[in-house]
Amino acid sequence: MDQRGVNIDFSLAAEPTRWEETLPEVCSESEKWKEAMDDEIVSMTKFGVYKALPRSAAGNRQILGARWVYKRKVNKFGEVCRYRARLVAQGFRQKAYDSYDPDQTFSPVIHKDSLRMFLSVCAAENLRVYQADVKAAFLQAPLDEKIFVRAPPGYESVDPVTGEPIVWELSKSIYGLKQSSACFWTAMDEHLRANGFKSVLGDPCLFRKVMSDGRVILAVTYVDDVTFAVSDDVDHAYFMSMLRSRFEIEDGEGK
């Protein structure tokens, strides 16, 4: 057992609030933040989040701004273990019925009473409870609307032919959009239902599936977290395989 105590580095500067604060001339951790931003761009490319187009492709449609949000991740000892940069759209500028439907932004989460019932059933039936977190969840949810954002700070470019600034047309949701949570909820709900899960009456975030031999798998969703209960290792492997067939899950999740 690791007996180390908490080791917080109070000499670290505050986390950057703007891209300009990550530049080498003003930030000693510039290389770390640059790697974090590059990782986010790689993830967005991997998931097919955007298509780079010249400014004229947007026509008269609104083009949203975007900014970086920076965060240091620490382990249980208070030591920095990861640098995270998240690209966030300026969703507060979205115009209703242009880039989102005001009636389609709601995303349900498990009710506290439903969660208590879930845990009570798990205890009564001696089920094993596990939790899994979907990696970059919003980036894996398709968008229905046509939305354009400016290229993120530090990654701006121009079209080599026309010389126009490059903008991004989004095909997946990103953080900050008004409908991002609803898009991910829809993607998760559709995937669970396609694999035989049914939500219980009264709470759309509590799911149940009865296997062919009568065994039951329960699952609850809370934004990008999925908590599930199974009776044995076979059902555990099945659920994680089913989840990974649609979403990317970090190694080590589901334990």
Protein backbone atom coordinates (compact mmCIF):
# COMPACT_ATOMS: atom_id res chain seq x y z
CA MET A 1 0.00 0.00 0.00
CA ASP A 2 1.30 3.44 -0.94
CA GLN A 3 1.82 5.41 2.29
CA ARG A 4 2.66 8.76 0.69
CA GLY A 5 0.92 11.81 2.06
CA VAL A 6 -0.72 14.62 0.13
CA ASN A 7 1.88 16.54 -1.89
CA ILE A 8 0.27 19.63 -3.40
CA ASP A 9 2.60 21.90 -5.37
CA PHE A 10 1.60 25.41 -4.29
CA SER A 11 4.26 26.96 -6.52
CA LEU A 12 2.25 26.23 -9.66
CA ALA A 13 0.75 29.23 -11.42
CA ALA A 14 -3.01 29.50 -11.82
CA GLU A 15 -4.50 27.56 -14.70
CA PRO A 16 -4.64 29.62 -17.91
CA THR A 17 -7.92 31.30 -18.77
CA ARG A 18 -6.98 32.22 -22.35
CA TRP A 19 -4.85 30.65 -25.08
CA GLU A 20 -2.46 33.61 -24.95
CA GLU A 21 -1.58 32.64 -21.37
CA THR A 22 -0.18 29.28 -22.55
CA LEU A 23 2.48 30.78 -24.83
CA PRO A 24 6.12 29.95 -23.96
CA GLU A 25 7.06 33.54 -23.19
CA VAL A 26 4.49 33.78 -20.38
CA CYS A 27 3.93 30.18 -19.23
CA SER A 28 6.47 27.69 -17.84
CA GLU A 29 4.06 24.83 -18.57
CA SER A 30 3.50 25.88 -22.18
CA GLU A 31 4.66 22.54 -23.61
CA LYS A 32 2.24 20.60 -21.40
CA TRP A 33 -0.73 22.76 -22.39
CA LYS A 34 0.23 22.53 -26.08
CA GLU A 35 0.27 18.73 -25.82
CA ALA A 36 -3.15 18.82 -24.16
CA MET A 37 -4.58 20.98 -26.96
CA ASP A 38 -3.04 18.73 -29.61
CA ASP A 39 -4.60 15.69 -27.90
CA GLU A 40 -8.01 17.34 -28.03
CA ILE A 41 -7.64 18.12 -31.73
CA VAL A 42 -6.57 14.50 -32.36
CA SER A 43 -9.67 13.23 -30.51
CA MET A 44 -11.94 15.56 -32.47
CA THR A 45 -10.40 14.39 -35.73
CA LYS A 46 -10.69 10.74 -34.69
CA PHE A 47 -14.39 11.09 -33.91
CA GLY A 48 -15.09 13.11 -37.07
CA VAL A 49 -16.28 16.11 -35.10
CA TYR A 50 -15.64 18.79 -37.72
CA LYS A 51 -14.94 19.55 -41.34
CA ALA A 52 -12.62 22.48 -42.15
CA LEU A 53 -14.16 24.78 -44.76
CA PRO A 54 -13.54 28.30 -46.13
CA ARG A 55 -15.55 31.07 -44.48
CA SER A 56 -17.84 31.45 -47.50
CA ALA A 57 -19.18 27.89 -46.98
CA ALA A 58 -21.12 29.13 -43.97
CA GLY A 59 -23.07 31.58 -46.13
CA ASN A 60 -25.34 33.68 -43.95
CA ARG A 61 -25.36 31.22 -41.07
CA GLN A 62 -24.09 32.22 -37.64
CA ILE A 63 -20.45 31.39 -36.88
CA LEU A 64 -19.84 30.79 -33.19
CA GLY A 65 -16.65 31.55 -31.36
CA ALA A 66 -14.78 28.91 -29.38
CA ARG A 67 -12.27 29.03 -26.55
CA TRP A 68 -9.99 26.67 -24.68
CA VAL A 69 -10.70 25.66 -21.10
CA TYR A 70 -7.65 24.37 -19.23
CA LYS A 71 -7.52 22.07 -16.23
CA ARG A 72 -4.82 20.22 -14.34
CA LYS A 73 -5.87 16.75 -13.20
CA VAL A 74 -4.41 15.56 -9.91
CA ASN A 75 -4.15 12.12 -8.33
CA LYS A 76 -5.19 11.19 -4.80
CA PHE A 77 -1.92 12.60 -3.45
CA GLY A 78 -2.53 16.04 -4.96
CA GLU A 79 0.15 15.58 -7.63
CA VAL A 80 -0.50 16.76 -11.17
CA CYS A 81 -0.95 13.65 -13.33
CA ARG A 82 -2.51 15.10 -16.47
CA TYR A 83 -3.09 18.35 -18.32
CA ARG A 84 -6.47 18.71 -20.00
CA ALA A 85 -7.56 21.24 -22.63
CA ARG A 86 -11.19 21.25 -23.69
CA LEU A 87 -12.49 23.20 -26.68
CA VAL A 88 -15.75 24.90 -25.69
CA ALA A 89 -18.12 26.64 -28.08
CA GLN A 90 -19.68 29.97 -27.14
CA GLY A 91 -23.13 28.43 -26.94
CA PHE A 92 -24.54 31.48 -25.17
CA ARG A 93 -24.41 33.18 -28.59
CA GLN A 94 -26.50 30.52 -30.34
CA LYS A 95 -29.64 31.82 -32.02
CA ALA A 96 -32.83 29.87 -31.50
CA TYR A 97 -34.06 28.00 -34.59
CA ASP A 98 -30.80 28.84 -36.38
CA SER A 99 -28.37 26.48 -34.63
CA TYR A 100 -30.63 24.83 -32.06
CA ASP A 101 -34.26 24.05 -31.26
CA PRO A 102 -35.20 25.44 -27.82
CA ASP A 103 -37.52 22.46 -27.32
CA GLN A 104 -34.73 19.91 -27.91
CA THR A 105 -32.07 20.87 -25.36
CA PHE A 106 -33.32 18.95 -22.31
CA SER A 107 -31.24 16.01 -21.12
CA PRO A 108 -32.66 13.83 -18.31
CA VAL A 109 -30.51 12.41 -15.50
CA ILE A 110 -31.31 9.71 -12.98
CA HIS A 111 -33.58 10.86 -10.15
CA LYS A 112 -32.24 10.40 -6.63
CA ASP A 113 -35.19 8.18 -5.67
CA SER A 114 -34.61 6.00 -8.73
CA LEU A 115 -30.95 5.67 -7.77
CA ARG A 116 -31.93 4.60 -4.26
CA MET A 117 -34.30 2.01 -5.71
CA PHE A 118 -31.54 0.79 -8.06
CA LEU A 119 -29.11 0.30 -5.17
CA SER A 120 -31.78 -1.35 -3.01
CA VAL A 121 -32.56 -3.89 -5.74
CA CYS A 122 -28.83 -4.54 -6.24
CA ALA A 123 -28.43 -5.25 -2.51
CA ALA A 124 -31.53 -7.45 -2.36
CA GLU A 125 -30.57 -9.47 -5.44
CA ASN A 126 -26.83 -9.57 -4.59
CA LEU A 127 -25.85 -7.87 -7.85
CA ARG A 128 -22.38 -6.45 -8.50
CA VAL A 129 -22.31 -2.72 -9.20
CA TYR A 130 -19.80 -1.13 -11.60
CA GLN A 131 -19.28 2.31 -13.13
CA ALA A 132 -17.96 3.42 -16.51
CA ASP A 133 -17.23 6.88 -17.86
CA VAL A 134 -17.51 7.61 -21.58
CA LYS A 135 -14.36 9.28 -22.91
CA ALA A 136 -14.94 12.68 -24.58
CA ALA A 137 -18.64 11.86 -24.47
CA PHE A 138 -20.07 14.88 -26.29
CA LEU A 139 -17.63 14.42 -29.17
CA GLN A 140 -19.23 11.03 -29.89
CA ALA A 141 -22.78 12.34 -30.27
CA PRO A 142 -24.05 13.36 -33.74
CA LEU A 143 -25.59 16.78 -34.36
CA ASP A 144 -28.83 17.32 -36.25
CA GLU A 145 -28.27 21.03 -36.86
CA LYS A 146 -25.75 22.69 -39.16
CA ILE A 147 -23.39 24.62 -36.87
CA PHE A 148 -20.23 26.55 -37.73
CA VAL A 149 -17.53 27.64 -35.30
CA ARG A 150 -14.32 29.58 -35.77
CA ALA A 151 -11.13 27.53 -35.69
CA PRO A 152 -9.80 27.35 -32.11
CA PRO A 153 -7.16 29.82 -30.94
CA GLY A 154 -3.72 28.64 -31.93
CA TYR A 155 -5.05 26.51 -34.79
CA GLU A 156 -6.33 29.16 -37.17
CA SER A 157 -5.53 28.81 -40.87
CA VAL A 158 -6.61 30.13 -44.26
CA ASP A 159 -7.79 28.37 -47.39
CA PRO A 160 -4.78 27.89 -49.69
CA VAL A 161 -6.84 28.70 -52.78
CA THR A 162 -9.11 31.58 -51.77
CA GLY A 163 -7.17 32.92 -48.79
CA GLU A 164 -10.37 32.92 -46.72
CA PRO A 165 -10.23 32.11 -43.00
CA ILE A 166 -11.03 28.49 -42.22
CA VAL A 167 -14.13 27.72 -40.15
CA TRP A 168 -15.34 24.40 -38.81
CA GLU A 169 -18.65 22.81 -39.74
CA LEU A 170 -19.58 20.53 -36.85
CA SER A 171 -20.98 17.05 -37.41
CA LYS A 172 -20.73 16.07 -33.73
CA SER A 173 -21.57 18.04 -30.63
CA ILE A 174 -18.84 19.80 -28.67
CA TYR A 175 -18.84 21.21 -25.17
CA GLY A 176 -20.63 24.51 -24.75
CA LEU A 177 -23.42 23.98 -27.29
CA LYS A 178 -26.92 24.24 -25.86
CA GLN A 179 -27.93 20.85 -27.25
CA SER A 180 -24.76 18.86 -26.49
CA SER A 181 -26.14 17.05 -23.43
CA ALA A 182 -29.35 16.21 -25.25
CA CYS A 183 -27.40 14.87 -28.24
CA PHE A 184 -25.34 12.54 -26.06
CA TRP A 185 -28.37 11.42 -24.09
CA THR A 186 -30.15 10.52 -27.34
CA ALA A 187 -27.12 8.57 -28.59
CA MET A 188 -26.84 6.59 -25.34
CA ASP A 189 -30.59 5.97 -25.12
CA GLU A 190 -30.76 4.72 -28.72
CA HIS A 191 -27.77 2.41 -28.22
CA LEU A 192 -29.14 0.83 -25.05
CA ARG A 193 -32.57 0.30 -26.60
CA ALA A 194 -31.03 -1.19 -29.75
CA ASN A 195 -29.39 -3.78 -27.51
CA GLY A 196 -32.56 -4.85 -25.73
CA PHE A 197 -32.62 -2.49 -22.75
CA LYS A 198 -35.87 -0.82 -21.75
CA SER A 199 -36.28 2.18 -19.46
CA VAL A 200 -38.59 1.69 -16.50
CA LEU A 201 -41.85 3.57 -16.25
CA GLY A 202 -41.32 6.92 -14.58
CA ASP A 203 -37.57 7.37 -15.15
CA PRO A 204 -35.98 7.34 -18.63
CA CYS A 205 -32.49 6.97 -17.11
CA LEU A 206 -33.07 3.63 -15.36
CA PHE A 207 -32.72 0.72 -17.77
CA ARG A 208 -33.37 -3.00 -17.44
CA LYS A 209 -32.65 -6.01 -19.63
CA VAL A 210 -33.70 -9.61 -19.00
CA MET A 211 -31.31 -12.13 -20.52
CA SER A 212 -32.47 -15.36 -22.18
CA ASP A 213 -31.91 -17.41 -19.01
CA GLY A 214 -33.70 -14.91 -16.77
CA ARG A 215 -30.67 -13.02 -15.47
CA VAL A 216 -31.21 -9.26 -15.18
CA ILE A 217 -28.85 -6.39 -16.03
CA LEU A 218 -29.66 -2.95 -14.63
CA ALA A 219 -28.14 0.35 -15.73
CA VAL A 220 -28.53 4.00 -14.80
CA THR A 221 -27.17 6.99 -16.72
CA TYR A 222 -26.06 10.38 -15.44
CA VAL A 223 -24.74 12.56 -18.29
CA ASP A 224 -21.61 10.64 -19.44
CA ASP A 225 -21.48 8.23 -16.47
CA VAL A 226 -23.05 4.79 -16.67
CA THR A 227 -23.55 2.72 -13.51
CA PHE A 228 -24.63 -0.86 -14.09
CA ALA A 229 -25.35 -3.98 -12.06
CA VAL A 230 -24.81 -7.60 -13.13
CA SER A 231 -24.87 -11.00 -11.48
CA ASP A 232 -21.60 -12.44 -12.83
CA ASP A 233 -18.46 -11.85 -14.91
CA VAL A 234 -20.14 -13.02 -18.11
CA ASP A 235 -22.77 -10.28 -17.93
CA HIS A 236 -20.10 -7.74 -16.97
CA ALA A 237 -18.06 -8.61 -20.05
CA TYR A 238 -21.20 -8.47 -22.21
CA PHE A 239 -22.24 -5.03 -20.98
CA MET A 240 -18.78 -3.48 -21.38
CA SER A 241 -18.43 -5.00 -24.86
CA MET A 242 -21.86 -3.65 -25.80
CA LEU A 243 -20.96 -0.19 -24.51
CA ARG A 244 -17.59 -0.16 -26.30
CA SER A 245 -19.21 -1.18 -29.58
CA ARG A 246 -20.63 2.36 -29.81
CA PHE A 247 -18.60 4.57 -27.43
CA GLU A 248 -14.94 4.83 -26.59
CA ILE A 249 -14.36 3.94 -22.95
CA GLU A 250 -11.12 4.49 -21.07
CA ASP A 251 -9.12 1.38 -20.16
CA GLY A 252 -9.75 0.47 -16.57
CA GLU A 253 -13.35 1.70 -16.57
CA GLY A 254 -16.17 -0.61 -15.56
CA LYS A 255 -14.49 -1.86 -12.39
